[in-house]
Protein backbone atom coordinates (compact mmCIF):
# COMPACT_ATOMS: atom_id res chain seq x y z
CA LEU A 1 -22.02 -22.28 2.08
CA ASP A 2 -24.99 -20.66 1.83
CA PHE A 3 -23.79 -17.36 -0.07
CA LEU A 4 -21.63 -19.87 -2.53
CA GLY A 5 -25.36 -21.86 -3.45
CA ALA A 6 -25.97 -18.20 -4.81
CA PHE A 7 -23.89 -19.27 -7.84
CA THR A 8 -24.23 -21.04 -10.90
CA ASP A 9 -21.17 -22.35 -12.69
CA ASP A 10 -21.32 -19.69 -15.51
CA ASP A 11 -21.34 -17.37 -12.45
CA VAL A 12 -17.97 -18.74 -11.18
CA HIS A 13 -16.61 -19.53 -15.44
CA ALA A 14 -17.14 -15.38 -15.43
CA VAL A 15 -15.20 -14.81 -11.62
CA ILE A 16 -12.39 -17.25 -13.19
CA ASP A 17 -12.21 -14.81 -16.58
CA ARG A 18 -12.14 -11.97 -14.17
CA LEU A 19 -8.08 -13.29 -13.45
CA PRO A 20 -5.67 -12.66 -14.78
CA PRO A 21 -4.09 -15.73 -16.70
CA LEU A 22 -0.99 -16.21 -14.21
CA TYR A 23 -3.01 -16.93 -12.17
CA ARG A 24 -5.94 -18.31 -13.77
CA ALA A 25 -4.03 -21.43 -15.59
CA PRO A 26 -2.44 -23.00 -12.39
CA LEU A 27 -6.47 -22.66 -10.72
CA VAL A 28 -8.30 -23.98 -13.77
CA LEU A 29 -5.28 -26.94 -14.25
CA ARG A 30 -6.20 -27.59 -10.39
CA TYR A 31 -9.20 -27.13 -9.04
CA VAL A 32 -11.63 -27.96 -12.24
CA GLU A 33 -9.31 -29.77 -14.19
CA GLY A 34 -8.88 -31.67 -11.10
CA LEU A 35 -4.75 -32.42 -11.57
CA ALA A 36 -1.97 -32.20 -8.89
CA THR A 37 -0.02 -29.55 -7.60
CA LYS A 38 3.06 -31.41 -9.11
CA GLN A 39 1.06 -32.42 -12.30
CA VAL A 40 0.30 -28.57 -12.93
CA ALA A 41 4.07 -27.28 -12.48
CA ARG A 42 4.93 -29.85 -14.62
CA ALA A 43 2.15 -28.52 -17.48
CA LEU A 44 3.19 -24.81 -16.68
CA GLU A 45 6.84 -25.40 -16.87
CA LEU A 46 7.16 -24.38 -13.13
CA PRO A 47 8.47 -25.13 -10.06
CA LEU A 48 6.33 -26.64 -7.85
CA GLY A 49 6.47 -23.34 -5.47
CA THR A 50 5.83 -21.02 -7.96
CA VAL A 51 2.72 -23.07 -8.26
CA LEU A 52 1.75 -23.03 -4.67
CA SER A 53 2.21 -19.67 -4.81
CA GLN A 54 0.49 -18.55 -8.33
CA LEU A 55 -2.31 -20.60 -6.12
CA HIS A 56 -2.97 -19.02 -2.65
CA ARG A 57 -2.54 -15.52 -4.93
CA GLY A 58 -5.11 -16.85 -7.40
CA ARG A 59 -7.53 -18.71 -4.19
CA ARG A 60 -7.30 -15.16 -2.92
CA LEU A 61 -7.94 -12.96 -6.16
CA PHE A 62 -10.81 -15.39 -6.50
CA GLU A 63 -12.43 -14.36 -3.29
CA HIS A 64 -12.19 -10.54 -3.47
CA GLU A 65 -12.96 -11.12 -7.29
CA MET A 66 -16.39 -13.47 -6.20
CA TRP A 67 -17.34 -10.50 -3.92
CA ASN A 68 -17.30 -8.18 -5.73
CA TYR A 69 -19.60 -10.50 -8.84
CA ALA A 70 -21.93 -10.58 -6.03
CA ARG A 71 -22.03 -6.74 -5.22
CA ASP A 72 -22.00 -6.15 -8.65
CA THR A 73 -24.85 -8.54 -10.43
CA GLY A 74 -26.84 -8.17 -6.44
CA VAL A 75 -25.69 -11.30 -4.59
CA VAL A 76 -24.89 -9.26 -2.17
CA THR A 77 -25.29 -5.33 -1.35
CA ALA A 78 -21.76 -5.10 0.98
CA LEU A 79 -19.04 -6.48 1.27
CA PRO A 80 -18.11 -8.99 3.93
CA PRO A 81 -16.56 -7.48 7.17
CA GLY A 82 -12.91 -6.57 6.99
CA GLN A 83 -12.85 -6.89 3.22
CA ARG A 84 -11.23 -4.31 0.87
CA THR A 85 -12.01 -3.04 -1.88
CA ASP A 86 -9.18 -4.65 -3.52
CA PRO A 87 -6.82 -7.47 -2.77
CA ALA A 88 -3.65 -6.90 -1.13
């Protein structure tokens, strides 16, 4: 939580902007706009399973990009233990 408290809303938006649209859209609809997962699926005209998969992968990519952003901006000087420099 201390790590997350180091970021402003602008920082979070900058990281979201780094994500590919494939993952950005479901994440924004779900976590920024507050839509239920089924509503996200309807809004994007995708099967629910596809949206769940995109949300899972998008959260992982978002976390990875948050660490990169933190390193790039000097919030942290190293990646967390076990974190790779490329997303899996």
